[in-house]
Amino acid sequence: MKQTLTKKQNQVLDFIKDYTLKNQKPPTIREICKKFNFKSTNAVYSILKTLEKKGYIQKPNSKARNIIINDLKINPTKNEFIEIPIISNFNAKNPFAMFTQLNGTLKLDPKNFQIPSPSFAVEVTDDGMQKNGIFKGDIAIVVQKANPKNDSIVFAVVGNEGLIRQFKIENGEINLIPSSRGYETLKFKEGDENLWIGGEVSWIIRKLSY
């Protein structure tokens, strides 16, 4: 059984629910702060920590818009779209910055795309996964996961470069494996600050004309 909430905690939770249902994405910390006129974002973090501890929400990572409301089902109408951020400025040492310098958003029809939350989009930068049917210029939809499954196709940031590769981890070593010739397997130790794994690729969208 979930623990009871204070009046302010209930108000913040209701705002997050309403915002998420309306916008198909959760609010940012600063949007919550602005809504309730908090003087500091620390007040928001404190309330969110309590909501998570009491079982009302989850915050799986430190990214923007990372609030997941437990038991909330989003049922968009036929006129609504899923809107996800597009990132293009890559920085493995500061992933948060990538979500504050967006390259716009991507709107998708929920009738055609079942996109888990939280997700983001990136443009594929090379042909390293061509044998998997992923080409330079495609748009990859990435489901954020700190610990992707072994052998899954992931989006990774190496330094300031964004790559789509097969993810494999063995004996504390992370391998980013291409499927095409002419590209090398990249190897990293777990915790390498020059590597950020953004999550698993769930969809590939291809431009039919250029």
C-alpha atoms as a PDB file:
ATOM      1  CA  MET A   1       0.000   0.000   0.000  1.00  0.00           C
ATOM      2  CA  LYS A   2       1.305   3.426  -0.945  1.00  0.00           C
ATOM      3  CA  GLN A   3       1.972   5.930   1.822  1.00  0.00           C
ATOM      4  CA  THR A   4      -0.165   9.060   2.113  1.00  0.00           C
ATOM      5  CA  LEU A   5       1.047  12.385   0.730  1.00  0.00           C
ATOM      6  CA  THR A   6       1.025  15.927   2.017  1.00  0.00           C
ATOM      7  CA  LYS A   7      -1.083  18.560   0.259  1.00  0.00           C
ATOM      8  CA  LYS A   8       1.910  19.983  -1.622  1.00  0.00           C
ATOM      9  CA  GLN A   9       3.148  16.516  -2.626  1.00  0.00           C
ATOM     10  CA  ASN A  10      -0.327  15.724  -3.998  1.00  0.00           C
ATOM     11  CA  GLN A  11      -0.386  19.005  -5.925  1.00  0.00           C
ATOM     12  CA  VAL A  12       3.003  18.298  -7.516  1.00  0.00           C
ATOM     13  CA  LEU A  13       1.982  14.730  -8.397  1.00  0.00           C
ATOM     14  CA  ASP A  14      -1.290  15.940  -9.953  1.00  0.00           C
ATOM     15  CA  PHE A  15       0.603  18.531 -11.995  1.00  0.00           C
ATOM     16  CA  ILE A  16       3.039  15.901 -13.282  1.00  0.00           C
ATOM     17  CA  LYS A  17       0.121  13.626 -14.253  1.00  0.00           C
ATOM     18  CA  ASP A  18      -1.807  16.408 -16.014  1.00  0.00           C
ATOM     19  CA  TYR A  19       1.285  17.676 -17.821  1.00  0.00           C
ATOM     20  CA  THR A  20       2.264  14.173 -18.945  1.00  0.00           C
ATOM     21  CA  LEU A  21      -1.215  13.358 -20.261  1.00  0.00           C
ATOM     22  CA  LYS A  22      -1.438  16.668 -22.115  1.00  0.00           C
ATOM     23  CA  ASN A  23       2.077  16.730 -23.573  1.00  0.00           C
ATOM     24  CA  GLN A  24       2.908  13.017 -23.853  1.00  0.00           C
ATOM     25  CA  LYS A  25       6.036  13.666 -21.772  1.00  0.00           C
ATOM     26  CA  PRO A  26       6.738  14.588 -18.147  1.00  0.00           C
ATOM     27  CA  PRO A  27       7.669  18.124 -17.076  1.00  0.00           C
ATOM     28  CA  THR A  28      11.237  19.179 -16.332  1.00  0.00           C
ATOM     29  CA  ILE A  29      12.415  20.123 -12.848  1.00  0.00           C
ATOM     30  CA  ARG A  30      12.414  23.796 -13.817  1.00  0.00           C
ATOM     31  CA  GLU A  31       8.862  23.604 -15.189  1.00  0.00           C
ATOM     32  CA  ILE A  32       7.677  22.163 -11.875  1.00  0.00           C
ATOM     33  CA  CYS A  33       9.650  24.828 -10.011  1.00  0.00           C
ATOM     34  CA  LYS A  34       8.042  27.596 -12.102  1.00  0.00           C
ATOM     35  CA  LYS A  35       4.533  26.165 -11.685  1.00  0.00           C
ATOM     36  CA  PHE A  36       4.714  26.253  -7.880  1.00  0.00           C
ATOM     37  CA  ASN A  37       6.953  29.324  -7.545  1.00  0.00           C
ATOM     38  CA  PHE A  38       9.615  27.425  -5.640  1.00  0.00           C
ATOM     39  CA  LYS A  39      12.654  29.587  -4.931  1.00  0.00           C
ATOM     40  CA  SER A  40      15.034  26.690  -5.567  1.00  0.00           C
ATOM     41  CA  THR A  41      14.996  23.486  -7.603  1.00  0.00           C
ATOM     42  CA  ASN A  42      16.108  21.731  -4.412  1.00  0.00           C
ATOM     43  CA  ALA A  43      12.510  21.894  -3.197  1.00  0.00           C
ATOM     44  CA  VAL A  44      11.372  20.014  -6.323  1.00  0.00           C
ATOM     45  CA  TYR A  45      14.096  17.376  -5.967  1.00  0.00           C
ATOM     46  CA  SER A  46      13.059  16.842  -2.336  1.00  0.00           C
ATOM     47  CA  ILE A  47       9.391  16.320  -3.235  1.00  0.00           C
ATOM     48  CA  LEU A  48      10.238  14.016  -6.151  1.00  0.00           C
ATOM     49  CA  LYS A  49      12.508  11.970  -3.905  1.00  0.00           C
ATOM     50  CA  THR A  50       9.631  11.552  -1.455  1.00  0.00           C
ATOM     51  CA  LEU A  51       7.170  10.636  -4.221  1.00  0.00           C
ATOM     52  CA  GLU A  52       9.619   8.015  -5.474  1.00  0.00           C
ATOM     53  CA  LYS A  53      10.225   6.644  -1.976  1.00  0.00           C
ATOM     54  CA  LYS A  54       6.463   6.358  -1.392  1.00  0.00           C
ATOM     55  CA  GLY A  55       5.980   4.470  -4.663  1.00  0.00           C
ATOM     56  CA  TYR A  56       4.195   7.087  -6.784  1.00  0.00           C
ATOM     57  CA  ILE A  57       6.902   7.776  -9.373  1.00  0.00           C
ATOM     58  CA  GLN A  58      10.208   6.496 -10.723  1.00  0.00           C
ATOM     59  CA  LYS A  59      13.263   8.527 -11.753  1.00  0.00           C
ATOM     60  CA  PRO A  60      15.469   5.987 -13.611  1.00  0.00           C
ATOM     61  CA  ASN A  61      18.243   8.423 -14.537  1.00  0.00           C
ATOM     62  CA  SER A  62      19.446  12.002 -14.233  1.00  0.00           C
ATOM     63  CA  LYS A  63      18.179  13.152 -17.626  1.00  0.00           C
ATOM     64  CA  ALA A  64      15.590  15.859 -18.261  1.00  0.00           C
ATOM     65  CA  ARG A  65      11.964  14.689 -18.383  1.00  0.00           C
ATOM     66  CA  ASN A  66      12.840  11.429 -16.656  1.00  0.00           C
ATOM     67  CA  ILE A  67       9.808  11.137 -14.343  1.00  0.00           C
ATOM     68  CA  ILE A  68       7.760   7.984 -14.784  1.00  0.00           C
ATOM     69  CA  ILE A  69       4.406   7.894 -12.983  1.00  0.00           C
ATOM     70  CA  ASN A  70       3.518   4.458 -11.680  1.00  0.00           C
ATOM     71  CA  ASP A  71       0.180   3.077 -12.938  1.00  0.00           C
ATOM     72  CA  LEU A  72      -0.418   6.010 -15.299  1.00  0.00           C
ATOM     73  CA  LYS A  73      -1.781   4.922 -18.664  1.00  0.00           C
ATOM     74  CA  ILE A  74      -1.547   7.420 -21.497  1.00  0.00           C
ATOM     75  CA  ASN A  75      -4.280   7.031 -24.086  1.00  0.00           C
ATOM     76  CA  PRO A  76      -3.762   9.742 -26.708  1.00  0.00           C
ATOM     77  CA  THR A  77      -6.642  10.592 -29.011  1.00  0.00           C
ATOM     78  CA  LYS A  78      -6.370  10.256 -32.764  1.00  0.00           C
ATOM     79  CA  ASN A  79      -5.478  13.950 -33.113  1.00  0.00           C
ATOM     80  CA  GLU A  80      -2.600  13.852 -30.634  1.00  0.00           C
ATOM     81  CA  PHE A  81       1.022  13.076 -31.421  1.00  0.00           C
ATOM     82  CA  ILE A  82       3.938  11.681 -29.494  1.00  0.00           C
ATOM     83  CA  GLU A  83       6.652  14.339 -29.345  1.00  0.00           C
ATOM     84  CA  ILE A  84      10.193  13.299 -28.495  1.00  0.00           C
ATOM     85  CA  PRO A  85      13.399  15.375 -28.365  1.00  0.00           C
ATOM     86  CA  ILE A  86      16.055  15.233 -31.090  1.00  0.00           C
ATOM     87  CA  ILE A  87      19.631  15.503 -29.836  1.00  0.00           C
ATOM     88  CA  SER A  88      22.579  16.332 -32.060  1.00  0.00           C
ATOM     89  CA  ASN A  89      25.238  17.921 -29.810  1.00  0.00           C
ATOM     90  CA  PHE A  90      26.966  14.971 -28.180  1.00  0.00           C
ATOM     91  CA  ASN A  91      28.995  15.033 -24.966  1.00  0.00           C
ATOM     92  CA  ALA A  92      29.778  11.794 -23.133  1.00  0.00           C
ATOM     93  CA  LYS A  93      31.130  13.617 -20.082  1.00  0.00           C
ATOM     94  CA  ASN A  94      28.005  15.758 -19.693  1.00  0.00           C
ATOM     95  CA  PRO A  95      24.954  13.885 -21.033  1.00  0.00           C
ATOM     96  CA  PHE A  96      22.551  16.294 -19.327  1.00  0.00           C
ATOM     97  CA  ALA A  97      23.793  19.115 -21.575  1.00  0.00           C
ATOM     98  CA  MET A  98      22.673  17.198 -24.665  1.00  0.00           C
ATOM     99  CA  PHE A  99      19.057  17.456 -23.504  1.00  0.00           C
ATOM    100  CA  THR A 100      19.271  21.195 -22.913  1.00  0.00           C
ATOM    101  CA  GLN A 101      20.611  21.914 -26.431  1.00  0.00           C
ATOM    102  CA  LEU A 102      18.068  20.100 -28.576  1.00  0.00           C
ATOM    103  CA  ASN A 103      17.823  20.049 -32.350  1.00  0.00           C
ATOM    104  CA  GLY A 104      14.036  20.309 -32.187  1.00  0.00           C
ATOM    105  CA  THR A 105      11.490  17.571 -31.573  1.00  0.00           C
ATOM    106  CA  LEU A 106      10.033  14.712 -33.581  1.00  0.00           C
ATOM    107  CA  LYS A 107       6.253  14.255 -33.722  1.00  0.00           C
ATOM    108  CA  LEU A 108       4.969  10.734 -34.308  1.00  0.00           C
ATOM    109  CA  ASP A 109       1.492   9.315 -34.738  1.00  0.00           C
ATOM    110  CA  PRO A 110       0.831   6.929 -31.796  1.00  0.00           C
ATOM    111  CA  LYS A 111      -1.298   4.771 -34.088  1.00  0.00           C
ATOM    112  CA  ASN A 112       1.851   3.854 -36.021  1.00  0.00           C
ATOM    113  CA  PHE A 113       4.538   4.101 -33.346  1.00  0.00           C
ATOM    114  CA  GLN A 114       4.489   2.553 -29.885  1.00  0.00           C
ATOM    115  CA  ILE A 115       7.275   4.537 -28.255  1.00  0.00           C
ATOM    116  CA  PRO A 116       8.240   3.677 -24.655  1.00  0.00           C
ATOM    117  CA  SER A 117       9.040   6.565 -22.334  1.00  0.00           C
ATOM    118  CA  PRO A 118      11.533   8.098 -21.878  1.00  0.00           C
ATOM    119  CA  SER A 119      12.837   8.129 -25.472  1.00  0.00           C
ATOM    120  CA  PHE A 120      14.750  10.481 -27.757  1.00  0.00           C
ATOM    121  CA  ALA A 121      15.761  10.655 -31.431  1.00  0.00           C
ATOM    122  CA  VAL A 122      19.140  10.991 -33.168  1.00  0.00           C
ATOM    123  CA  GLU A 123      20.297  11.067 -36.773  1.00  0.00           C
ATOM    124  CA  VAL A 124      22.533   8.102 -37.664  1.00  0.00           C
ATOM    125  CA  THR A 125      25.991   9.518 -38.394  1.00  0.00           C
ATOM    126  CA  ASP A 126      27.646   6.663 -40.317  1.00  0.00           C
ATOM    127  CA  ASP A 127      27.074   3.346 -42.105  1.00  0.00           C
ATOM    128  CA  GLY A 128      28.655   1.225 -39.382  1.00  0.00           C
ATOM    129  CA  MET A 129      25.443  -0.815 -38.951  1.00  0.00           C
ATOM    130  CA  GLN A 130      24.540  -1.054 -42.633  1.00  0.00           C
ATOM    131  CA  LYS A 131      24.277  -4.857 -42.540  1.00  0.00           C
ATOM    132  CA  ASN A 132      21.566  -4.437 -39.924  1.00  0.00           C
ATOM    133  CA  GLY A 133      19.612  -2.190 -42.271  1.00  0.00           C
ATOM    134  CA  ILE A 134      20.650   1.032 -40.512  1.00  0.00           C
ATOM    135  CA  PHE A 135      22.100   3.720 -42.793  1.00  0.00           C
ATOM    136  CA  LYS A 136      23.683   7.136 -42.438  1.00  0.00           C
ATOM    137  CA  GLY A 137      20.957   9.793 -42.372  1.00  0.00           C
ATOM    138  CA  ASP A 138      18.311   7.518 -40.835  1.00  0.00           C
ATOM    139  CA  ILE A 139      16.553   8.695 -37.692  1.00  0.00           C
ATOM    140  CA  ALA A 140      16.957   6.339 -34.735  1.00  0.00           C
ATOM    141  CA  ILE A 141      14.445   6.308 -31.883  1.00  0.00           C
ATOM    142  CA  VAL A 142      16.254   5.399 -28.677  1.00  0.00           C
ATOM    143  CA  VAL A 143      14.647   4.140 -25.465  1.00  0.00           C
ATOM    144  CA  GLN A 144      16.718   5.416 -22.547  1.00  0.00           C
ATOM    145  CA  LYS A 145      18.264   2.548 -20.586  1.00  0.00           C
ATOM    146  CA  ALA A 146      21.281   2.747 -18.342  1.00  0.00           C
ATOM    147  CA  ASN A 147      21.847  -1.010 -18.640  1.00  0.00           C
ATOM    148  CA  PRO A 148      20.906  -2.246 -22.141  1.00  0.00           C
ATOM    149  CA  LYS A 149      20.658  -5.934 -22.916  1.00  0.00           C
ATOM    150  CA  ASN A 150      23.720  -7.736 -24.191  1.00  0.00           C
ATOM    151  CA  ASP A 151      23.842  -7.893 -28.019  1.00  0.00           C
ATOM    152  CA  SER A 152      21.178  -5.182 -28.366  1.00  0.00           C
ATOM    153  CA  ILE A 153      21.605  -2.289 -30.816  1.00  0.00           C
ATOM    154  CA  VAL A 154      22.329   0.858 -28.818  1.00  0.00           C
ATOM    155  CA  PHE A 155      23.049   4.528 -29.221  1.00  0.00           C
ATOM    156  CA  ALA A 156      26.352   5.456 -27.601  1.00  0.00           C
ATOM    157  CA  VAL A 157      28.291   8.691 -27.273  1.00  0.00           C
ATOM    158  CA  VAL A 158      32.062   8.316 -27.538  1.00  0.00           C
ATOM    159  CA  GLY A 159      33.624  11.625 -26.596  1.00  0.00           C
ATOM    160  CA  ASN A 160      31.670  14.020 -28.824  1.00  0.00           C
ATOM    161  CA  GLU A 161      30.569  11.460 -31.404  1.00  0.00           C
ATOM    162  CA  GLY A 162      27.211   9.693 -31.466  1.00  0.00           C
ATOM    163  CA  LEU A 163      27.205   6.109 -32.756  1.00  0.00           C
ATOM    164  CA  ILE A 164      24.746   3.276 -33.354  1.00  0.00           C
ATOM    165  CA  ARG A 165      26.417  -0.054 -32.549  1.00  0.00           C
ATOM    166  CA  GLN A 166      25.835  -3.527 -31.153  1.00  0.00           C
ATOM    167  CA  PHE A 167      26.406  -3.534 -27.396  1.00  0.00           C
ATOM    168  CA  LYS A 168      28.262  -6.384 -25.734  1.00  0.00           C
ATOM    169  CA  ILE A 169      29.743  -6.491 -22.248  1.00  0.00           C
ATOM    170  CA  GLU A 170      32.102  -9.192 -20.989  1.00  0.00           C
ATOM    171  CA  ASN A 171      34.324  -9.269 -17.902  1.00  0.00           C
ATOM    172  CA  GLY A 172      33.826  -5.592 -17.223  1.00  0.00           C
ATOM    173  CA  GLU A 173      34.675  -4.573 -20.797  1.00  0.00           C
ATOM    174  CA  ILE A 174      32.126  -2.858 -23.037  1.00  0.00           C
ATOM    175  CA  ASN A 175      32.369  -3.541 -26.762  1.00  0.00           C
ATOM    176  CA  LEU A 176      30.657  -1.404 -29.399  1.00  0.00           C
ATOM    177  CA  ILE A 177      30.558  -3.633 -32.454  1.00  0.00           C
ATOM    178  CA  PRO A 178      29.828  -2.485 -36.037  1.00  0.00           C
ATOM    179  CA  SER A 179      28.252  -4.823 -38.588  1.00  0.00           C
ATOM    180  CA  SER A 180      29.913  -3.282 -41.656  1.00  0.00           C
ATOM    181  CA  ARG A 181      33.472  -3.577 -42.920  1.00  0.00           C
ATOM    182  CA  GLY A 182      35.744  -0.616 -42.518  1.00  0.00           C
ATOM    183  CA  TYR A 183      34.628   0.149 -38.960  1.00  0.00           C
ATOM    184  CA  GLU A 184      36.471  -0.983 -35.828  1.00  0.00           C
ATOM    185  CA  THR A 185      35.057  -2.482 -32.659  1.00  0.00           C
ATOM    186  CA  LEU A 186      35.500   0.043 -29.846  1.00  0.00           C
ATOM    187  CA  LYS A 187      36.403  -1.272 -26.385  1.00  0.00           C
ATOM    188  CA  PHE A 188      35.905   0.472 -23.044  1.00  0.00           C
ATOM    189  CA  LYS A 189      36.193  -0.339 -19.384  1.00  0.00           C
ATOM    190  CA  GLU A 190      32.994   0.058 -17.372  1.00  0.00           C
ATOM    191  CA  GLY A 191      32.796   3.567 -15.931  1.00  0.00           C
ATOM    192  CA  ASP A 192      34.905   5.163 -18.689  1.00  0.00           C
ATOM    193  CA  GLU A 193      33.959   8.853 -18.622  1.00  0.00           C
ATOM    194  CA  ASN A 194      34.466   9.104 -22.393  1.00  0.00           C
ATOM    195  CA  LEU A 195      31.550   6.711 -22.992  1.00  0.00           C
ATOM    196  CA  TRP A 196      27.824   7.239 -22.422  1.00  0.00           C
ATOM    197  CA  ILE A 197      25.286   4.577 -23.362  1.00  0.00           C
ATOM    198  CA  GLY A 198      22.027   6.346 -24.148  1.00  0.00           C
ATOM    199  CA  GLY A 199      19.811   3.298 -24.563  1.00  0.00           C
ATOM    200  CA  GLU A 200      18.465   0.724 -26.994  1.00  0.00           C
ATOM    201  CA  VAL A 201      17.360   1.556 -30.543  1.00  0.00           C
ATOM    202  CA  SER A 202      13.653   0.738 -30.878  1.00  0.00           C
ATOM    203  CA  TRP A 203      12.774   2.237 -34.286  1.00  0.00           C
ATOM    204  CA  ILE A 204      14.560   3.379 -37.442  1.00  0.00           C
ATOM    205  CA  ILE A 205      12.882   6.000 -39.633  1.00  0.00           C
ATOM    206  CA  ARG A 206      14.258   6.390 -43.164  1.00  0.00           C
ATOM    207  CA  LYS A 207      14.036   9.404 -45.417  1.00  0.00           C
ATOM    208  CA  LEU A 208      12.682   8.344 -48.793  1.00  0.00           C
ATOM    209  CA  SER A 209      13.860  11.486 -50.548  1.00  0.00           C
ATOM    210  CA  TYR A 210      16.688  13.971 -49.984  1.00  0.00           C
END
